[in-house]
N, C-alpha and C. Protein backbone atom coordinates (compact mmCIF):
# COMPACT_ATOMS: atom_id res chain seq x y z
N MET A 1 6.60 -23.77 10.14
CA MET A 1 6.90 -22.89 9.05
C MET A 1 8.13 -22.07 9.43
N GLN A 2 9.02 -21.96 8.53
CA GLN A 2 10.24 -21.22 8.82
C GLN A 2 10.09 -19.77 8.39
N THR A 3 9.17 -19.08 9.02
CA THR A 3 8.96 -17.66 8.75
C THR A 3 8.37 -17.02 9.99
N THR A 4 8.62 -15.77 10.15
CA THR A 4 8.03 -15.05 11.28
C THR A 4 6.99 -14.06 10.80
N THR A 5 6.71 -14.02 9.51
CA THR A 5 5.77 -13.04 8.98
C THR A 5 4.36 -13.30 9.50
N GLU A 6 3.66 -12.22 9.74
CA GLU A 6 2.26 -12.30 10.12
C GLU A 6 1.38 -11.79 8.98
N ASP A 7 1.97 -11.65 7.81
CA ASP A 7 1.27 -11.20 6.62
C ASP A 7 1.15 -12.37 5.65
N PRO A 8 -0.07 -12.88 5.43
CA PRO A 8 -0.19 -14.05 4.54
C PRO A 8 0.19 -13.76 3.11
N PHE A 9 0.04 -12.52 2.66
CA PHE A 9 0.43 -12.18 1.29
C PHE A 9 1.95 -12.23 1.14
N ALA A 10 2.68 -11.77 2.15
CA ALA A 10 4.15 -11.84 2.11
C ALA A 10 4.60 -13.30 2.11
N LEU A 11 3.97 -14.13 2.93
CA LEU A 11 4.33 -15.54 2.97
C LEU A 11 3.98 -16.21 1.64
N PHE A 12 2.82 -15.87 1.07
CA PHE A 12 2.46 -16.41 -0.24
C PHE A 12 3.52 -16.05 -1.27
N GLU A 13 3.95 -14.80 -1.29
CA GLU A 13 4.96 -14.38 -2.26
C GLU A 13 6.28 -15.12 -2.06
N GLU A 14 6.67 -15.40 -0.81
CA GLU A 14 7.88 -16.19 -0.54
C GLU A 14 7.74 -17.58 -1.14
N TRP A 15 6.61 -18.22 -0.86
CA TRP A 15 6.41 -19.58 -1.37
C TRP A 15 6.30 -19.59 -2.89
N MET A 16 5.63 -18.59 -3.47
CA MET A 16 5.50 -18.53 -4.93
C MET A 16 6.87 -18.33 -5.57
N ALA A 17 7.72 -17.52 -4.97
CA ALA A 17 9.07 -17.32 -5.51
C ALA A 17 9.85 -18.64 -5.49
N GLU A 18 9.73 -19.41 -4.42
CA GLU A 18 10.40 -20.70 -4.35
C GLU A 18 9.82 -21.67 -5.37
N ALA A 19 8.50 -21.64 -5.55
CA ALA A 19 7.87 -22.52 -6.55
C ALA A 19 8.29 -22.12 -7.95
N THR A 20 8.39 -20.84 -8.22
CA THR A 20 8.81 -20.36 -9.53
C THR A 20 10.21 -20.84 -9.86
N ALA A 21 11.07 -20.88 -8.85
CA ALA A 21 12.44 -21.35 -9.05
C ALA A 21 12.51 -22.87 -9.20
N ALA A 22 11.57 -23.60 -8.60
CA ALA A 22 11.66 -25.06 -8.54
C ALA A 22 10.77 -25.79 -9.54
N GLU A 23 9.61 -25.25 -9.83
CA GLU A 23 8.63 -25.95 -10.66
C GLU A 23 8.94 -25.73 -12.14
N VAL A 24 8.90 -26.79 -12.91
CA VAL A 24 9.22 -26.72 -14.34
C VAL A 24 8.09 -26.04 -15.11
N ASN A 25 6.86 -26.40 -14.81
CA ASN A 25 5.71 -25.90 -15.56
C ASN A 25 4.70 -25.22 -14.64
N ASP A 26 4.29 -24.04 -15.02
CA ASP A 26 3.16 -23.34 -14.41
C ASP A 26 3.14 -23.34 -12.89
N PRO A 27 4.11 -22.74 -12.22
CA PRO A 27 4.06 -22.67 -10.77
C PRO A 27 2.85 -21.87 -10.28
N ASN A 28 2.25 -21.07 -11.17
CA ASN A 28 1.08 -20.28 -10.80
C ASN A 28 -0.24 -21.02 -11.07
N ALA A 29 -0.17 -22.32 -11.40
CA ALA A 29 -1.39 -23.10 -11.61
C ALA A 29 -2.09 -23.33 -10.28
N MET A 30 -3.41 -23.20 -10.31
CA MET A 30 -4.20 -23.37 -9.09
C MET A 30 -5.52 -24.03 -9.44
N SER A 31 -6.02 -24.82 -8.52
CA SER A 31 -7.38 -25.33 -8.65
C SER A 31 -8.31 -24.23 -8.17
N VAL A 32 -9.38 -24.01 -8.92
CA VAL A 32 -10.38 -23.01 -8.55
C VAL A 32 -11.71 -23.73 -8.43
N ALA A 33 -12.27 -23.70 -7.22
CA ALA A 33 -13.56 -24.35 -6.96
C ALA A 33 -14.64 -23.29 -6.81
N THR A 34 -15.74 -23.53 -7.50
CA THR A 34 -16.93 -22.68 -7.38
C THR A 34 -18.11 -23.61 -7.08
N ALA A 35 -19.27 -22.99 -6.82
CA ALA A 35 -20.46 -23.80 -6.55
C ALA A 35 -21.69 -23.07 -7.04
N THR A 36 -22.69 -23.84 -7.38
CA THR A 36 -23.98 -23.27 -7.76
C THR A 36 -24.65 -22.71 -6.50
N PRO A 37 -25.72 -21.93 -6.66
CA PRO A 37 -26.45 -21.46 -5.48
C PRO A 37 -26.97 -22.61 -4.61
N GLU A 38 -27.18 -23.78 -5.23
CA GLU A 38 -27.65 -24.95 -4.48
C GLU A 38 -26.51 -25.70 -3.81
N GLY A 39 -25.28 -25.29 -4.09
CA GLY A 39 -24.12 -25.91 -3.44
C GLY A 39 -23.43 -27.00 -4.23
N ALA A 40 -23.81 -27.23 -5.49
CA ALA A 40 -23.13 -28.24 -6.30
C ALA A 40 -21.76 -27.70 -6.71
N PRO A 41 -20.67 -28.37 -6.31
CA PRO A 41 -19.33 -27.84 -6.57
C PRO A 41 -18.80 -28.22 -7.95
N ALA A 42 -17.83 -27.42 -8.40
CA ALA A 42 -17.07 -27.72 -9.61
C ALA A 42 -15.67 -27.17 -9.39
N VAL A 43 -14.66 -27.87 -9.92
CA VAL A 43 -13.29 -27.43 -9.77
C VAL A 43 -12.56 -27.60 -11.08
N ARG A 44 -11.60 -26.67 -11.35
CA ARG A 44 -10.80 -26.74 -12.56
C ARG A 44 -9.48 -26.03 -12.29
N ILE A 45 -8.49 -26.24 -13.17
CA ILE A 45 -7.19 -25.61 -13.03
C ILE A 45 -7.16 -24.32 -13.85
N LEU A 46 -6.72 -23.23 -13.23
CA LEU A 46 -6.51 -21.95 -13.90
C LEU A 46 -5.14 -21.43 -13.50
N LEU A 47 -4.73 -20.32 -14.10
CA LEU A 47 -3.46 -19.71 -13.77
C LEU A 47 -3.69 -18.40 -13.01
N LEU A 48 -2.97 -18.23 -11.92
CA LEU A 48 -2.98 -16.97 -11.19
C LEU A 48 -2.28 -15.94 -12.07
N LYS A 49 -2.92 -14.80 -12.29
CA LYS A 49 -2.35 -13.77 -13.15
C LYS A 49 -2.05 -12.47 -12.42
N GLY A 50 -2.41 -12.39 -11.16
CA GLY A 50 -2.12 -11.18 -10.41
C GLY A 50 -2.34 -11.39 -8.93
N LEU A 51 -1.61 -10.61 -8.14
CA LEU A 51 -1.74 -10.61 -6.69
C LEU A 51 -1.46 -9.20 -6.21
N ASP A 52 -2.34 -8.69 -5.38
CA ASP A 52 -2.13 -7.40 -4.75
C ASP A 52 -2.77 -7.48 -3.36
N PRO A 53 -2.69 -6.42 -2.58
CA PRO A 53 -3.25 -6.50 -1.22
C PRO A 53 -4.75 -6.78 -1.16
N ARG A 54 -5.43 -6.65 -2.30
CA ARG A 54 -6.86 -6.95 -2.32
C ARG A 54 -7.12 -8.43 -2.51
N GLY A 55 -6.25 -9.14 -3.26
CA GLY A 55 -6.50 -10.55 -3.47
C GLY A 55 -5.81 -11.13 -4.68
N PHE A 56 -6.31 -12.30 -5.10
CA PHE A 56 -5.71 -13.17 -6.12
C PHE A 56 -6.55 -13.06 -7.40
N VAL A 57 -5.89 -12.76 -8.53
CA VAL A 57 -6.60 -12.43 -9.76
C VAL A 57 -6.41 -13.51 -10.82
N PHE A 58 -7.52 -13.85 -11.51
CA PHE A 58 -7.49 -14.74 -12.66
C PHE A 58 -8.49 -14.22 -13.68
N PHE A 59 -8.39 -14.72 -14.91
CA PHE A 59 -9.21 -14.22 -16.01
C PHE A 59 -9.93 -15.37 -16.69
N SER A 60 -11.12 -15.05 -17.26
CA SER A 60 -11.90 -16.09 -17.91
C SER A 60 -13.09 -15.47 -18.63
N HIS A 61 -13.83 -16.34 -19.32
CA HIS A 61 -15.10 -15.97 -19.92
C HIS A 61 -16.15 -15.83 -18.82
N ASP A 62 -17.09 -14.93 -19.02
CA ASP A 62 -18.23 -14.81 -18.12
C ASP A 62 -19.27 -15.89 -18.41
N ASN A 63 -19.30 -16.37 -19.65
CA ASN A 63 -20.38 -17.24 -20.09
C ASN A 63 -20.17 -18.71 -19.81
N GLY A 64 -18.99 -19.09 -19.32
CA GLY A 64 -18.74 -20.49 -18.99
C GLY A 64 -19.35 -20.84 -17.64
N ARG A 65 -19.20 -22.10 -17.27
CA ARG A 65 -19.79 -22.57 -16.02
C ARG A 65 -19.29 -21.78 -14.82
N LYS A 66 -17.95 -21.58 -14.72
CA LYS A 66 -17.44 -20.87 -13.54
C LYS A 66 -17.93 -19.44 -13.51
N GLY A 67 -18.03 -18.78 -14.69
CA GLY A 67 -18.55 -17.42 -14.73
C GLY A 67 -19.97 -17.34 -14.22
N HIS A 68 -20.81 -18.27 -14.65
CA HIS A 68 -22.21 -18.31 -14.18
C HIS A 68 -22.27 -18.60 -12.69
N GLU A 69 -21.44 -19.55 -12.23
CA GLU A 69 -21.47 -19.88 -10.80
C GLU A 69 -20.98 -18.73 -9.94
N MET A 70 -19.93 -18.03 -10.38
CA MET A 70 -19.43 -16.91 -9.58
C MET A 70 -20.41 -15.74 -9.59
N ALA A 71 -21.16 -15.57 -10.68
CA ALA A 71 -22.18 -14.51 -10.72
C ALA A 71 -23.31 -14.82 -9.75
N ALA A 72 -23.71 -16.09 -9.67
CA ALA A 72 -24.82 -16.48 -8.81
C ALA A 72 -24.40 -16.70 -7.35
N ASN A 73 -23.17 -17.11 -7.14
CA ASN A 73 -22.66 -17.44 -5.80
C ASN A 73 -21.22 -16.93 -5.74
N PRO A 74 -21.02 -15.64 -5.46
CA PRO A 74 -19.70 -15.02 -5.61
C PRO A 74 -18.71 -15.39 -4.50
N ARG A 75 -18.38 -16.67 -4.44
CA ARG A 75 -17.37 -17.18 -3.52
C ARG A 75 -16.59 -18.26 -4.26
N ALA A 76 -15.33 -18.44 -3.86
CA ALA A 76 -14.50 -19.47 -4.49
C ALA A 76 -13.46 -19.95 -3.50
N ALA A 77 -12.88 -21.10 -3.83
CA ALA A 77 -11.73 -21.63 -3.10
C ALA A 77 -10.64 -21.90 -4.13
N LEU A 78 -9.41 -21.52 -3.77
CA LEU A 78 -8.25 -21.74 -4.63
C LEU A 78 -7.30 -22.69 -3.91
N CYS A 79 -6.57 -23.49 -4.68
CA CYS A 79 -5.58 -24.38 -4.08
C CYS A 79 -4.35 -24.45 -4.99
N PHE A 80 -3.21 -24.09 -4.42
CA PHE A 80 -1.92 -24.25 -5.09
C PHE A 80 -1.26 -25.47 -4.48
N HIS A 81 -0.77 -26.38 -5.34
CA HIS A 81 -0.08 -27.56 -4.84
C HIS A 81 1.23 -27.71 -5.60
N TRP A 82 2.32 -27.65 -4.86
CA TRP A 82 3.64 -27.81 -5.46
C TRP A 82 4.23 -29.11 -4.95
N LYS A 83 4.03 -30.18 -5.71
CA LYS A 83 4.43 -31.51 -5.28
C LYS A 83 5.92 -31.61 -5.00
N SER A 84 6.74 -31.00 -5.86
CA SER A 84 8.19 -31.11 -5.68
C SER A 84 8.65 -30.39 -4.41
N LEU A 85 7.91 -29.38 -3.98
CA LEU A 85 8.24 -28.66 -2.74
C LEU A 85 7.51 -29.22 -1.52
N ARG A 86 6.54 -30.11 -1.81
CA ARG A 86 5.75 -30.72 -0.75
C ARG A 86 5.01 -29.66 0.06
N ARG A 87 4.38 -28.75 -0.69
CA ARG A 87 3.65 -27.64 -0.08
C ARG A 87 2.32 -27.42 -0.78
N GLN A 88 1.43 -26.79 -0.04
CA GLN A 88 0.12 -26.47 -0.56
C GLN A 88 -0.38 -25.20 0.12
N ILE A 89 -1.10 -24.38 -0.63
CA ILE A 89 -1.77 -23.21 -0.06
C ILE A 89 -3.23 -23.26 -0.48
N ARG A 90 -4.10 -23.16 0.50
CA ARG A 90 -5.55 -23.13 0.25
C ARG A 90 -6.08 -21.76 0.62
N ILE A 91 -6.92 -21.20 -0.26
CA ILE A 91 -7.46 -19.85 -0.09
C ILE A 91 -8.96 -19.90 -0.27
N GLU A 92 -9.68 -19.24 0.61
CA GLU A 92 -11.14 -19.16 0.49
C GLU A 92 -11.55 -17.70 0.59
N GLY A 93 -12.54 -17.30 -0.22
CA GLY A 93 -12.98 -15.91 -0.11
C GLY A 93 -14.05 -15.53 -1.09
N ALA A 94 -14.42 -14.27 -1.00
CA ALA A 94 -15.43 -13.69 -1.88
C ALA A 94 -14.80 -13.38 -3.24
N ILE A 95 -15.64 -13.33 -4.26
CA ILE A 95 -15.20 -13.02 -5.62
C ILE A 95 -15.77 -11.67 -6.03
N GLU A 96 -14.92 -10.85 -6.64
CA GLU A 96 -15.37 -9.60 -7.25
C GLU A 96 -14.78 -9.52 -8.65
N ARG A 97 -15.42 -8.72 -9.49
CA ARG A 97 -14.88 -8.46 -10.83
C ARG A 97 -13.72 -7.50 -10.71
N VAL A 98 -12.69 -7.68 -11.52
CA VAL A 98 -11.64 -6.67 -11.61
C VAL A 98 -12.18 -5.53 -12.46
N SER A 99 -11.53 -4.39 -12.40
CA SER A 99 -11.96 -3.24 -13.20
C SER A 99 -11.75 -3.53 -14.69
N ASP A 100 -12.48 -2.80 -15.52
CA ASP A 100 -12.28 -2.92 -16.96
C ASP A 100 -10.83 -2.58 -17.34
N ALA A 101 -10.25 -1.60 -16.66
CA ALA A 101 -8.87 -1.21 -16.96
C ALA A 101 -7.91 -2.35 -16.67
N GLU A 102 -8.11 -3.07 -15.55
CA GLU A 102 -7.26 -4.22 -15.23
C GLU A 102 -7.44 -5.32 -16.27
N ALA A 103 -8.69 -5.60 -16.64
CA ALA A 103 -8.96 -6.65 -17.63
C ALA A 103 -8.38 -6.27 -18.98
N ASP A 104 -8.53 -5.01 -19.38
CA ASP A 104 -7.99 -4.56 -20.66
C ASP A 104 -6.47 -4.69 -20.69
N ALA A 105 -5.82 -4.30 -19.59
CA ALA A 105 -4.35 -4.34 -19.55
C ALA A 105 -3.85 -5.78 -19.66
N TYR A 106 -4.46 -6.70 -18.92
CA TYR A 106 -4.01 -8.09 -19.02
C TYR A 106 -4.32 -8.66 -20.41
N TYR A 107 -5.53 -8.41 -20.91
CA TYR A 107 -5.91 -8.93 -22.22
C TYR A 107 -4.94 -8.46 -23.30
N ALA A 108 -4.54 -7.20 -23.25
CA ALA A 108 -3.63 -6.65 -24.25
C ALA A 108 -2.24 -7.29 -24.17
N SER A 109 -1.88 -7.86 -23.02
CA SER A 109 -0.56 -8.49 -22.87
C SER A 109 -0.52 -9.90 -23.44
N ARG A 110 -1.67 -10.46 -23.77
CA ARG A 110 -1.72 -11.84 -24.26
C ARG A 110 -1.29 -11.90 -25.72
N PRO A 111 -0.78 -13.06 -26.16
CA PRO A 111 -0.47 -13.21 -27.59
C PRO A 111 -1.72 -12.98 -28.45
N ARG A 112 -1.52 -12.51 -29.65
CA ARG A 112 -2.65 -12.19 -30.53
C ARG A 112 -3.58 -13.38 -30.70
N LEU A 113 -3.04 -14.57 -30.94
CA LEU A 113 -3.91 -15.74 -31.16
C LEU A 113 -4.74 -16.07 -29.91
N SER A 114 -4.20 -15.82 -28.74
CA SER A 114 -4.99 -16.02 -27.51
C SER A 114 -6.14 -15.02 -27.45
N ARG A 115 -5.89 -13.79 -27.89
CA ARG A 115 -6.96 -12.79 -27.91
C ARG A 115 -8.02 -13.16 -28.95
N ILE A 116 -7.58 -13.66 -30.09
CA ILE A 116 -8.53 -14.14 -31.11
C ILE A 116 -9.35 -15.30 -30.55
N GLY A 117 -8.68 -16.21 -29.85
CA GLY A 117 -9.36 -17.36 -29.26
C GLY A 117 -10.46 -16.98 -28.29
N ALA A 118 -10.27 -15.87 -27.57
CA ALA A 118 -11.31 -15.41 -26.65
C ALA A 118 -12.59 -15.02 -27.39
N TRP A 119 -12.45 -14.54 -28.63
CA TRP A 119 -13.62 -14.23 -29.45
C TRP A 119 -14.23 -15.51 -30.04
N ALA A 120 -13.39 -16.46 -30.39
CA ALA A 120 -13.86 -17.66 -31.11
C ALA A 120 -14.50 -18.69 -30.19
N SER A 121 -14.06 -18.75 -28.94
CA SER A 121 -14.55 -19.80 -28.05
C SER A 121 -15.87 -19.42 -27.39
N ARG A 122 -16.80 -20.35 -27.44
CA ARG A 122 -18.05 -20.21 -26.67
C ARG A 122 -17.90 -21.17 -25.49
N GLN A 123 -17.05 -20.77 -24.57
CA GLN A 123 -16.56 -21.63 -23.49
C GLN A 123 -17.67 -22.44 -22.83
N THR A 124 -17.40 -23.74 -22.70
CA THR A 124 -18.22 -24.72 -21.99
C THR A 124 -19.45 -25.17 -22.75
N THR A 125 -19.77 -24.56 -23.90
CA THR A 125 -20.92 -25.02 -24.67
C THR A 125 -20.48 -26.18 -25.57
N PRO A 126 -21.40 -27.03 -25.99
CA PRO A 126 -21.04 -28.18 -26.82
C PRO A 126 -20.39 -27.73 -28.15
N LEU A 127 -19.36 -28.46 -28.54
CA LEU A 127 -18.61 -28.20 -29.77
C LEU A 127 -18.81 -29.39 -30.70
N GLY A 128 -19.32 -29.12 -31.90
CA GLY A 128 -19.58 -30.19 -32.85
C GLY A 128 -18.33 -30.87 -33.35
N SER A 129 -17.28 -30.09 -33.62
CA SER A 129 -16.04 -30.65 -34.13
C SER A 129 -14.92 -29.64 -33.94
N ARG A 130 -13.69 -30.12 -34.05
CA ARG A 130 -12.53 -29.22 -33.98
C ARG A 130 -12.57 -28.23 -35.15
N ALA A 131 -13.07 -28.68 -36.29
CA ALA A 131 -13.17 -27.81 -37.47
C ALA A 131 -14.08 -26.61 -37.18
N GLU A 132 -15.12 -26.81 -36.39
CA GLU A 132 -16.03 -25.72 -36.03
C GLU A 132 -15.27 -24.65 -35.22
N LEU A 133 -14.44 -25.08 -34.28
CA LEU A 133 -13.63 -24.14 -33.51
C LEU A 133 -12.64 -23.41 -34.41
N GLU A 134 -11.98 -24.16 -35.28
CA GLU A 134 -11.00 -23.55 -36.18
C GLU A 134 -11.66 -22.54 -37.13
N ALA A 135 -12.89 -22.82 -37.55
CA ALA A 135 -13.63 -21.87 -38.39
C ALA A 135 -13.94 -20.60 -37.60
N GLY A 136 -14.27 -20.75 -36.33
CA GLY A 136 -14.51 -19.58 -35.49
C GLY A 136 -13.26 -18.75 -35.29
N VAL A 137 -12.12 -19.42 -35.15
CA VAL A 137 -10.84 -18.70 -35.03
C VAL A 137 -10.55 -17.95 -36.33
N ALA A 138 -10.76 -18.59 -37.46
CA ALA A 138 -10.51 -17.94 -38.76
C ALA A 138 -11.43 -16.73 -38.94
N ALA A 139 -12.70 -16.86 -38.54
CA ALA A 139 -13.64 -15.74 -38.67
C ALA A 139 -13.23 -14.58 -37.77
N ALA A 140 -12.81 -14.86 -36.54
CA ALA A 140 -12.36 -13.80 -35.63
C ALA A 140 -11.08 -13.16 -36.14
N ASP A 141 -10.20 -13.97 -36.70
CA ASP A 141 -8.95 -13.47 -37.25
C ASP A 141 -9.24 -12.50 -38.41
N ALA A 142 -10.20 -12.85 -39.26
CA ALA A 142 -10.57 -11.99 -40.39
C ALA A 142 -11.27 -10.72 -39.90
N ARG A 143 -12.02 -10.84 -38.83
CA ARG A 143 -12.75 -9.69 -38.27
C ARG A 143 -11.80 -8.64 -37.70
N PHE A 144 -10.67 -9.12 -37.15
CA PHE A 144 -9.71 -8.22 -36.51
C PHE A 144 -8.34 -8.36 -37.18
N PRO A 145 -8.17 -7.84 -38.40
CA PRO A 145 -6.86 -7.92 -39.03
C PRO A 145 -5.86 -7.02 -38.29
N GLY A 146 -4.63 -7.40 -38.32
CA GLY A 146 -3.61 -6.61 -37.64
C GLY A 146 -3.48 -7.00 -36.18
N GLU A 147 -2.74 -6.20 -35.44
CA GLU A 147 -2.43 -6.53 -34.05
C GLU A 147 -3.55 -6.16 -33.09
N GLU A 148 -4.34 -5.17 -33.41
CA GLU A 148 -5.37 -4.67 -32.50
C GLU A 148 -6.57 -5.64 -32.45
N VAL A 149 -6.77 -6.25 -31.27
CA VAL A 149 -7.91 -7.14 -31.04
C VAL A 149 -8.53 -6.70 -29.71
N PRO A 150 -9.71 -6.06 -29.75
CA PRO A 150 -10.30 -5.57 -28.51
C PRO A 150 -10.75 -6.71 -27.60
N ARG A 151 -10.84 -6.42 -26.33
CA ARG A 151 -11.31 -7.42 -25.36
C ARG A 151 -12.81 -7.65 -25.56
N PRO A 152 -13.22 -8.93 -25.68
CA PRO A 152 -14.65 -9.21 -25.85
C PRO A 152 -15.43 -8.80 -24.59
N PRO A 153 -16.67 -8.41 -24.76
CA PRO A 153 -17.47 -8.01 -23.59
C PRO A 153 -17.74 -9.16 -22.61
N HIS A 154 -17.61 -10.40 -23.09
CA HIS A 154 -17.88 -11.57 -22.24
C HIS A 154 -16.62 -12.12 -21.57
N TRP A 155 -15.52 -11.40 -21.63
CA TRP A 155 -14.24 -11.88 -21.10
C TRP A 155 -13.72 -10.86 -20.09
N GLY A 156 -13.35 -11.34 -18.90
CA GLY A 156 -12.86 -10.40 -17.90
C GLY A 156 -12.09 -11.09 -16.80
N GLY A 157 -11.90 -10.37 -15.73
CA GLY A 157 -11.10 -10.88 -14.63
C GLY A 157 -11.88 -10.94 -13.33
N PHE A 158 -11.38 -11.78 -12.45
CA PHE A 158 -12.01 -12.00 -11.15
C PHE A 158 -10.94 -11.93 -10.08
N ARG A 159 -11.31 -11.41 -8.94
CA ARG A 159 -10.39 -11.34 -7.80
C ARG A 159 -11.01 -12.09 -6.64
N CYS A 160 -10.26 -13.03 -6.09
CA CYS A 160 -10.67 -13.72 -4.87
C CYS A 160 -10.13 -12.91 -3.70
N ILE A 161 -11.03 -12.36 -2.91
CA ILE A 161 -10.66 -11.57 -1.73
C ILE A 161 -10.65 -12.53 -0.55
N PRO A 162 -9.46 -12.90 -0.08
CA PRO A 162 -9.41 -14.01 0.88
C PRO A 162 -9.94 -13.65 2.27
N SER A 163 -10.66 -14.59 2.82
CA SER A 163 -11.05 -14.51 4.24
C SER A 163 -10.27 -15.54 5.04
N ARG A 164 -9.68 -16.52 4.33
CA ARG A 164 -8.93 -17.58 4.99
C ARG A 164 -7.84 -18.07 4.05
N ILE A 165 -6.61 -18.20 4.56
CA ILE A 165 -5.49 -18.71 3.78
C ILE A 165 -4.74 -19.72 4.64
N GLU A 166 -4.63 -20.94 4.15
CA GLU A 166 -3.93 -21.99 4.89
C GLU A 166 -2.66 -22.40 4.16
N PHE A 167 -1.55 -22.41 4.89
CA PHE A 167 -0.26 -22.86 4.38
C PHE A 167 0.02 -24.23 4.98
N TRP A 168 0.24 -25.22 4.10
CA TRP A 168 0.46 -26.61 4.50
C TRP A 168 1.83 -27.05 4.02
N ARG A 169 2.57 -27.68 4.89
CA ARG A 169 3.89 -28.20 4.52
C ARG A 169 3.98 -29.65 4.97
N ASP A 170 4.39 -30.50 4.05
CA ASP A 170 4.55 -31.92 4.34
C ASP A 170 5.67 -32.14 5.34
N MET A 171 5.42 -33.01 6.30
CA MET A 171 6.42 -33.35 7.31
C MET A 171 6.45 -34.87 7.46
N PRO A 172 7.53 -35.44 8.00
CA PRO A 172 7.62 -36.90 8.16
C PRO A 172 6.48 -37.45 9.01
N PHE A 173 6.11 -38.68 8.69
CA PHE A 173 5.11 -39.44 9.43
C PHE A 173 3.74 -38.76 9.45
N ARG A 174 3.47 -37.97 8.42
CA ARG A 174 2.19 -37.27 8.26
C ARG A 174 1.90 -36.30 9.39
N LEU A 175 2.94 -35.82 10.05
CA LEU A 175 2.79 -34.81 11.10
C LEU A 175 3.01 -33.44 10.47
N HIS A 176 2.16 -33.14 9.50
CA HIS A 176 2.31 -31.95 8.67
C HIS A 176 2.14 -30.66 9.47
N GLU A 177 2.72 -29.59 8.94
CA GLU A 177 2.53 -28.26 9.51
C GLU A 177 1.40 -27.57 8.77
N ARG A 178 0.46 -27.02 9.53
CA ARG A 178 -0.66 -26.28 8.94
C ARG A 178 -0.81 -24.97 9.71
N ARG A 179 -0.66 -23.87 8.99
CA ARG A 179 -0.79 -22.54 9.57
C ARG A 179 -1.89 -21.82 8.82
N VAL A 180 -2.89 -21.32 9.57
CA VAL A 180 -4.05 -20.68 8.95
C VAL A 180 -4.11 -19.21 9.35
N PHE A 181 -4.29 -18.36 8.34
CA PHE A 181 -4.55 -16.95 8.55
C PHE A 181 -6.03 -16.73 8.26
N PHE A 182 -6.73 -16.03 9.11
CA PHE A 182 -8.12 -15.71 8.83
C PHE A 182 -8.40 -14.27 9.24
N ARG A 183 -9.33 -13.65 8.50
CA ARG A 183 -9.65 -12.25 8.72
C ARG A 183 -10.17 -12.04 10.13
N ALA A 184 -9.65 -11.00 10.76
CA ALA A 184 -10.10 -10.61 12.09
C ALA A 184 -10.11 -9.08 12.10
N GLY A 185 -11.27 -8.50 11.88
CA GLY A 185 -11.36 -7.05 11.77
C GLY A 185 -10.64 -6.58 10.53
N THR A 186 -9.71 -5.65 10.69
CA THR A 186 -8.96 -5.14 9.54
C THR A 186 -7.65 -5.89 9.33
N GLY A 187 -7.35 -6.86 10.18
CA GLY A 187 -6.09 -7.58 10.07
C GLY A 187 -6.31 -9.08 9.92
N TRP A 188 -5.30 -9.81 10.37
CA TRP A 188 -5.32 -11.26 10.27
C TRP A 188 -5.04 -11.90 11.63
N ALA A 189 -5.76 -12.95 11.92
CA ALA A 189 -5.43 -13.79 13.08
C ALA A 189 -4.78 -15.04 12.53
N ILE A 190 -3.98 -15.70 13.35
CA ILE A 190 -3.23 -16.87 12.91
C ILE A 190 -3.42 -18.00 13.92
N GLU A 191 -3.58 -19.20 13.40
CA GLU A 191 -3.62 -20.37 14.28
C GLU A 191 -2.98 -21.55 13.58
N MET A 192 -2.47 -22.47 14.36
CA MET A 192 -1.94 -23.73 13.86
C MET A 192 -3.05 -24.77 13.95
N LEU A 193 -3.05 -25.72 13.03
CA LEU A 193 -4.03 -26.80 13.02
C LEU A 193 -3.32 -28.14 13.16
N TYR A 194 -4.02 -29.08 13.78
CA TYR A 194 -3.50 -30.44 13.78
C TYR A 194 -3.45 -30.94 12.34
N PRO A 195 -2.52 -31.84 12.03
CA PRO A 195 -2.46 -32.38 10.66
C PRO A 195 -3.69 -33.20 10.31
């Protein structure tokens, strides 16, 4: 790795800035893996919407599969993969809810139709037809005329508080570079891994 930083958040921000400059679509896209209390895994793509010294923030419905899994087993793994840069970052950690103020602020920044959609969607439940979804959107739109659309009680944010962050860089002949940061007391320890 061509960095001397011992702060994984600073290194993440360096790599994200390079991805933002290089990736055409959604450089903040990440795979988010959760699991049931019994250990059955599920993974899906979400967008990173915030980063601070506490962790990595994303938003979603509470009532969908990932919301239920994170409530029952509050741990997750995130993976950013930037194929054009030949890099990957893997993050593992505990999940906590963001504050209502954080969720409200992000929700208010979304386009109006996205806010309406949060009311209309019963995420992950069976949908009879596209017309049923469109009727739900129309009903929510009529319920909230104008620009003001409050955040639904079932919609919020989650923060992954990392205990482990791995930076992977593709190298010739599959002799990849892997640098892992893991929590050690109040700071971070670092080690290199074989490819």
